[in-house]
Amino acid sequence: MSRVTPAERRALEAVLAYGTVKGAAYATGKSPWTVARQLASVRDRLNVTTTVEAVRVVFIDGDKPAA
């Protein structure tokens, strides 16, 4: 089971695609605050400090559950 919600995953994908929280928010029709909060939640859930680390965990490492 994934440790991030579908909405959080979409926020990560949008930031990855558009480069900024503001660009991701505009593209997804959400407020920048909402996107920023979703990214913060992802970082907390994955116990990482940067969005880049979160992208690595979710998209490269496959977001495997902690052992």
PDB file of N, CA and C in Angstrom:
ATOM      1  N   MET A   1       0.836  -1.186   0.000  1.00  0.00           N
ATOM      2  CA  MET A   1       0.000   0.000   0.000  1.00  0.00           C
ATOM      3  C   MET A   1       0.883   1.253   0.000  1.00  0.00           C
ATOM      4  N   SER A   2       0.513   2.217  -0.780  1.00  0.00           N
ATOM      5  CA  SER A   2       1.283   3.447  -0.898  1.00  0.00           C
ATOM      6  C   SER A   2       1.159   4.289   0.369  1.00  0.00           C
ATOM      7  N   ARG A   3       2.239   4.995   0.683  1.00  0.00           N
ATOM      8  CA  ARG A   3       2.229   5.863   1.859  1.00  0.00           C
ATOM      9  C   ARG A   3       1.738   7.263   1.541  1.00  0.00           C
ATOM     10  N   VAL A   4       1.509   7.582   0.281  1.00  0.00           N
ATOM     11  CA  VAL A   4       0.988   8.903  -0.078  1.00  0.00           C
ATOM     12  C   VAL A   4      -0.390   8.742  -0.704  1.00  0.00           C
ATOM     13  N   THR A   5      -1.220   9.757  -0.515  1.00  0.00           N
ATOM     14  CA  THR A   5      -2.569   9.711  -1.076  1.00  0.00           C
ATOM     15  C   THR A   5      -2.513  10.028  -2.574  1.00  0.00           C
ATOM     16  N   PRO A   6      -3.564   9.681  -3.301  1.00  0.00           N
ATOM     17  CA  PRO A   6      -3.587  10.032  -4.726  1.00  0.00           C
ATOM     18  C   PRO A   6      -3.458  11.545  -4.967  1.00  0.00           C
ATOM     19  N   ALA A   7      -4.077  12.354  -4.126  1.00  0.00           N
ATOM     20  CA  ALA A   7      -3.974  13.815  -4.288  1.00  0.00           C
ATOM     21  C   ALA A   7      -2.545  14.295  -4.063  1.00  0.00           C
ATOM     22  N   GLU A   8      -1.871  13.719  -3.071  1.00  0.00           N
ATOM     23  CA  GLU A   8      -0.482  14.090  -2.815  1.00  0.00           C
ATOM     24  C   GLU A   8       0.418  13.666  -3.965  1.00  0.00           C
ATOM     25  N   ARG A   9       0.153  12.500  -4.511  1.00  0.00           N
ATOM     26  CA  ARG A   9       0.938  12.020  -5.660  1.00  0.00           C
ATOM     27  C   ARG A   9       0.737  12.947  -6.857  1.00  0.00           C
ATOM     28  N   ARG A  10      -0.515  13.380  -7.101  1.00  0.00           N
ATOM     29  CA  ARG A  10      -0.779  14.308  -8.206  1.00  0.00           C
ATOM     30  C   ARG A  10      -0.059  15.639  -7.987  1.00  0.00           C
ATOM     31  N   ALA A  11       0.001  16.094  -6.737  1.00  0.00           N
ATOM     32  CA  ALA A  11       0.721  17.343  -6.441  1.00  0.00           C
ATOM     33  C   ALA A  11       2.204  17.182  -6.758  1.00  0.00           C
ATOM     34  N   LEU A  12       2.790  16.048  -6.379  1.00  0.00           N
ATOM     35  CA  LEU A  12       4.197  15.789  -6.704  1.00  0.00           C
ATOM     36  C   LEU A  12       4.408  15.749  -8.212  1.00  0.00           C
ATOM     37  N   GLU A  13       3.522  15.062  -8.926  1.00  0.00           N
ATOM     38  CA  GLU A  13       3.632  14.971 -10.385  1.00  0.00           C
ATOM     39  C   GLU A  13       3.546  16.351 -11.025  1.00  0.00           C
ATOM     40  N   ALA A  14       2.626  17.181 -10.530  1.00  0.00           N
ATOM     41  CA  ALA A  14       2.446  18.519 -11.105  1.00  0.00           C
ATOM     42  C   ALA A  14       3.668  19.392 -10.862  1.00  0.00           C
ATOM     43  N   VAL A  15       4.219  19.342  -9.664  1.00  0.00           N
ATOM     44  CA  VAL A  15       5.416  20.141  -9.385  1.00  0.00           C
ATOM     45  C   VAL A  15       6.582  19.651 -10.232  1.00  0.00           C
ATOM     46  N   LEU A  16       6.682  18.352 -10.402  1.00  0.00           N
ATOM     47  CA  LEU A  16       7.731  17.786 -11.246  1.00  0.00           C
ATOM     48  C   LEU A  16       7.551  18.256 -12.695  1.00  0.00           C
ATOM     49  N   ALA A  17       6.320  18.288 -13.175  1.00  0.00           N
ATOM     50  CA  ALA A  17       6.049  18.684 -14.555  1.00  0.00           C
ATOM     51  C   ALA A  17       6.178  20.189 -14.784  1.00  0.00           C
ATOM     52  N   TYR A  18       5.736  21.001 -13.824  1.00  0.00           N
ATOM     53  CA  TYR A  18       5.678  22.448 -14.036  1.00  0.00           C
ATOM     54  C   TYR A  18       6.771  23.227 -13.325  1.00  0.00           C
ATOM     55  N   GLY A  19       7.530  22.561 -12.467  1.00  0.00           N
ATOM     56  CA  GLY A  19       8.713  23.166 -11.886  1.00  0.00           C
ATOM     57  C   GLY A  19       8.544  23.993 -10.626  1.00  0.00           C
ATOM     58  N   THR A  20       7.362  24.516 -10.388  1.00  0.00           N
ATOM     59  CA  THR A  20       7.143  25.334  -9.198  1.00  0.00           C
ATOM     60  C   THR A  20       5.783  25.011  -8.593  1.00  0.00           C
ATOM     61  N   VAL A  21       5.628  25.362  -7.340  1.00  0.00           N
ATOM     62  CA  VAL A  21       4.332  25.183  -6.677  1.00  0.00           C
ATOM     63  C   VAL A  21       3.285  26.045  -7.371  1.00  0.00           C
ATOM     64  N   LYS A  22       3.669  27.269  -7.695  1.00  0.00           N
ATOM     65  CA  LYS A  22       2.718  28.177  -8.346  1.00  0.00           C
ATOM     66  C   LYS A  22       2.285  27.641  -9.715  1.00  0.00           C
ATOM     67  N   GLY A  23       3.234  27.136 -10.499  1.00  0.00           N
ATOM     68  CA  GLY A  23       2.901  26.568 -11.804  1.00  0.00           C
ATOM     69  C   GLY A  23       2.036  25.328 -11.672  1.00  0.00           C
ATOM     70  N   ALA A  24       2.363  24.491 -10.704  1.00  0.00           N
ATOM     71  CA  ALA A  24       1.568  23.277 -10.474  1.00  0.00           C
ATOM     72  C   ALA A  24       0.154  23.633 -10.039  1.00  0.00           C
ATOM     73  N   ALA A  25       0.038  24.640  -9.190  1.00  0.00           N
ATOM     74  CA  ALA A  25      -1.283  25.066  -8.722  1.00  0.00           C
ATOM     75  C   ALA A  25      -2.128  25.584  -9.885  1.00  0.00           C
ATOM     76  N   TYR A  26      -1.537  26.409 -10.701  1.00  0.00           N
ATOM     77  CA  TYR A  26      -2.259  26.956 -11.850  1.00  0.00           C
ATOM     78  C   TYR A  26      -2.712  25.832 -12.788  1.00  0.00           C
ATOM     79  N   ALA A  27      -1.815  24.888 -13.053  1.00  0.00           N
ATOM     80  CA  ALA A  27      -2.127  23.802 -13.980  1.00  0.00           C
ATOM     81  C   ALA A  27      -3.195  22.858 -13.448  1.00  0.00           C
ATOM     82  N   THR A  28      -3.256  22.698 -12.137  1.00  0.00           N
ATOM     83  CA  THR A  28      -4.212  21.755 -11.550  1.00  0.00           C
ATOM     84  C   THR A  28      -5.484  22.417 -11.051  1.00  0.00           C
ATOM     85  N   GLY A  29      -5.507  23.744 -11.070  1.00  0.00           N
ATOM     86  CA  GLY A  29      -6.697  24.454 -10.611  1.00  0.00           C
ATOM     87  C   GLY A  29      -6.809  24.529  -9.097  1.00  0.00           C
ATOM     88  N   LYS A  30      -5.700  24.299  -8.404  1.00  0.00           N
ATOM     89  CA  LYS A  30      -5.682  24.386  -6.946  1.00  0.00           C
ATOM     90  C   LYS A  30      -4.948  25.655  -6.536  1.00  0.00           C
ATOM     91  N   SER A  31      -5.100  26.025  -5.286  1.00  0.00           N
ATOM     92  CA  SER A  31      -4.360  27.192  -4.804  1.00  0.00           C
ATOM     93  C   SER A  31      -2.920  26.776  -4.520  1.00  0.00           C
ATOM     94  N   PRO A  32      -1.987  27.717  -4.614  1.00  0.00           N
ATOM     95  CA  PRO A  32      -0.601  27.391  -4.266  1.00  0.00           C
ATOM     96  C   PRO A  32      -0.479  26.876  -2.828  1.00  0.00           C
ATOM     97  N   TRP A  33      -1.293  27.418  -1.939  1.00  0.00           N
ATOM     98  CA  TRP A  33      -1.275  26.962  -0.548  1.00  0.00           C
ATOM     99  C   TRP A  33      -1.629  25.480  -0.457  1.00  0.00           C
ATOM    100  N   THR A  34      -2.650  25.050  -1.195  1.00  0.00           N
ATOM    101  CA  THR A  34      -3.067  23.643  -1.173  1.00  0.00           C
ATOM    102  C   THR A  34      -1.952  22.744  -1.678  1.00  0.00           C
ATOM    103  N   VAL A  35      -1.340  23.108  -2.775  1.00  0.00           N
ATOM    104  CA  VAL A  35      -0.246  22.303  -3.331  1.00  0.00           C
ATOM    105  C   VAL A  35       0.922  22.256  -2.350  1.00  0.00           C
ATOM    106  N   ALA A  36       1.264  23.387  -1.765  1.00  0.00           N
ATOM    107  CA  ALA A  36       2.365  23.426  -0.802  1.00  0.00           C
ATOM    108  C   ALA A  36       2.068  22.553   0.413  1.00  0.00           C
ATOM    109  N   ARG A  37       0.843  22.560   0.901  1.00  0.00           N
ATOM    110  CA  ARG A  37       0.457  21.724   2.045  1.00  0.00           C
ATOM    111  C   ARG A  37       0.523  20.246   1.672  1.00  0.00           C
ATOM    112  N   GLN A  38       0.094  19.894   0.466  1.00  0.00           N
ATOM    113  CA  GLN A  38       0.171  18.496   0.038  1.00  0.00           C
ATOM    114  C   GLN A  38       1.620  18.037  -0.045  1.00  0.00           C
ATOM    115  N   LEU A  39       2.505  18.894  -0.533  1.00  0.00           N
ATOM    116  CA  LEU A  39       3.922  18.540  -0.602  1.00  0.00           C
ATOM    117  C   LEU A  39       4.509  18.389   0.795  1.00  0.00           C
ATOM    118  N   ALA A  40       4.125  19.260   1.706  1.00  0.00           N
ATOM    119  CA  ALA A  40       4.602  19.157   3.089  1.00  0.00           C
ATOM    120  C   ALA A  40       4.121  17.857   3.721  1.00  0.00           C
ATOM    121  N   SER A  41       2.901  17.479   3.434  1.00  0.00           N
ATOM    122  CA  SER A  41       2.351  16.229   3.967  1.00  0.00           C
ATOM    123  C   SER A  41       3.117  15.023   3.422  1.00  0.00           C
ATOM    124  N   VAL A  42       3.448  15.061   2.143  1.00  0.00           N
ATOM    125  CA  VAL A  42       4.235  13.976   1.535  1.00  0.00           C
ATOM    126  C   VAL A  42       5.590  13.868   2.225  1.00  0.00           C
ATOM    127  N   ARG A  43       6.261  15.003   2.398  1.00  0.00           N
ATOM    128  CA  ARG A  43       7.575  14.977   3.053  1.00  0.00           C
ATOM    129  C   ARG A  43       7.475  14.411   4.468  1.00  0.00           C
ATOM    130  N   ASP A  44       6.435  14.801   5.196  1.00  0.00           N
ATOM    131  CA  ASP A  44       6.238  14.270   6.553  1.00  0.00           C
ATOM    132  C   ASP A  44       5.988  12.769   6.535  1.00  0.00           C
ATOM    133  N   ARG A  45       5.099  12.316   5.654  1.00  0.00           N
ATOM    134  CA  ARG A  45       4.771  10.878   5.580  1.00  0.00           C
ATOM    135  C   ARG A  45       5.991  10.031   5.240  1.00  0.00           C
ATOM    136  N   LEU A  46       6.824  10.554   4.353  1.00  0.00           N
ATOM    137  CA  LEU A  46       7.984   9.788   3.887  1.00  0.00           C
ATOM    138  C   LEU A  46       9.228  10.024   4.745  1.00  0.00           C
ATOM    139  N   ASN A  47       9.107  10.947   5.693  1.00  0.00           N
ATOM    140  CA  ASN A  47      10.218  11.275   6.581  1.00  0.00           C
ATOM    141  C   ASN A  47      11.454  11.742   5.795  1.00  0.00           C
ATOM    142  N   VAL A  48      11.206  12.662   4.857  1.00  0.00           N
ATOM    143  CA  VAL A  48      12.282  13.284   4.085  1.00  0.00           C
ATOM    144  C   VAL A  48      12.190  14.788   4.276  1.00  0.00           C
ATOM    145  N   THR A  49      13.267  15.499   3.938  1.00  0.00           N
ATOM    146  CA  THR A  49      13.282  16.937   4.184  1.00  0.00           C
ATOM    147  C   THR A  49      13.062  17.790   2.942  1.00  0.00           C
ATOM    148  N   THR A  50      13.211  17.217   1.754  1.00  0.00           N
ATOM    149  CA  THR A  50      13.035  18.015   0.537  1.00  0.00           C
ATOM    150  C   THR A  50      12.046  17.340  -0.407  1.00  0.00           C
ATOM    151  N   THR A  51      11.485  18.155  -1.284  1.00  0.00           N
ATOM    152  CA  THR A  51      10.570  17.625  -2.291  1.00  0.00           C
ATOM    153  C   THR A  51      11.315  16.734  -3.271  1.00  0.00           C
ATOM    154  N   VAL A  52      12.573  17.052  -3.547  1.00  0.00           N
ATOM    155  CA  VAL A  52      13.383  16.213  -4.443  1.00  0.00           C
ATOM    156  C   VAL A  52      13.522  14.796  -3.867  1.00  0.00           C
ATOM    157  N   GLU A  53      13.758  14.701  -2.565  1.00  0.00           N
ATOM    158  CA  GLU A  53      13.836  13.384  -1.925  1.00  0.00           C
ATOM    159  C   GLU A  53      12.498  12.660  -2.022  1.00  0.00           C
ATOM    160  N   ALA A  54      11.414  13.390  -1.851  1.00  0.00           N
ATOM    161  CA  ALA A  54      10.086  12.780  -1.944  1.00  0.00           C
ATOM    162  C   ALA A  54       9.842  12.243  -3.352  1.00  0.00           C
ATOM    163  N   VAL A  55      10.245  13.003  -4.362  1.00  0.00           N
ATOM    164  CA  VAL A  55      10.107  12.539  -5.751  1.00  0.00           C
ATOM    165  C   VAL A  55      10.899  11.247  -5.952  1.00  0.00           C
ATOM    166  N   ARG A  56      12.116  11.207  -5.426  1.00  0.00           N
ATOM    167  CA  ARG A  56      12.943   9.999  -5.553  1.00  0.00           C
ATOM    168  C   ARG A  56      12.252   8.800  -4.909  1.00  0.00           C
ATOM    169  N   VAL A  57      11.747   8.979  -3.714  1.00  0.00           N
ATOM    170  CA  VAL A  57      11.099   7.870  -2.998  1.00  0.00           C
ATOM    171  C   VAL A  57       9.859   7.387  -3.739  1.00  0.00           C
ATOM    172  N   VAL A  58       9.026   8.311  -4.179  1.00  0.00           N
ATOM    173  CA  VAL A  58       7.749   7.935  -4.801  1.00  0.00           C
ATOM    174  C   VAL A  58       7.923   7.405  -6.217  1.00  0.00           C
ATOM    175  N   PHE A  59       8.722   8.088  -7.037  1.00  0.00           N
ATOM    176  CA  PHE A  59       8.783   7.729  -8.451  1.00  0.00           C
ATOM    177  C   PHE A  59       9.954   6.840  -8.835  1.00  0.00           C
ATOM    178  N   ILE A  60      11.038   6.876  -8.087  1.00  0.00           N
ATOM    179  CA  ILE A  60      12.201   6.052  -8.436  1.00  0.00           C
ATOM    180  C   ILE A  60      12.255   4.795  -7.591  1.00  0.00           C
ATOM    181  N   ASP A  61      12.099   4.956  -6.273  1.00  0.00           N
ATOM    182  CA  ASP A  61      12.158   3.807  -5.377  1.00  0.00           C
ATOM    183  C   ASP A  61      10.836   3.062  -5.298  1.00  0.00           C
ATOM    184  N   GLY A  62       9.785   3.645  -5.818  1.00  0.00           N
ATOM    185  CA  GLY A  62       8.511   2.959  -5.888  1.00  0.00           C
ATOM    186  C   GLY A  62       7.641   3.072  -4.649  1.00  0.00           C
ATOM    187  N   ASP A  63       7.960   3.982  -3.722  1.00  0.00           N
ATOM    188  CA  ASP A  63       7.136   4.223  -2.542  1.00  0.00           C
ATOM    189  C   ASP A  63       6.784   2.923  -1.817  1.00  0.00           C
ATOM    190  N   LYS A  64       7.801   2.146  -1.538  1.00  0.00           N
ATOM    191  CA  LYS A  64       7.586   0.887  -0.823  1.00  0.00           C
ATOM    192  C   LYS A  64       7.325   1.173   0.658  1.00  0.00           C
ATOM    193  N   PRO A  65       6.433   0.423   1.279  1.00  0.00           N
ATOM    194  CA  PRO A  65       6.165   0.627   2.700  1.00  0.00           C
ATOM    195  C   PRO A  65       7.411   0.398   3.538  1.00  0.00           C
ATOM    196  N   ALA A  66       7.521   1.123   4.623  1.00  0.00           N
ATOM    197  CA  ALA A  66       8.663   0.959   5.521  1.00  0.00           C
ATOM    198  C   ALA A  66       8.618  -0.418   6.166  1.00  0.00           C
ATOM    199  N   ALA A  67       9.786  -1.022   6.352  1.00  0.00           N
ATOM    200  CA  ALA A  67       9.844  -2.364   6.934  1.00  0.00           C
ATOM    201  C   ALA A  67       9.729  -2.321   8.433  1.00  0.00           C
TER     202      ALA A  67
END
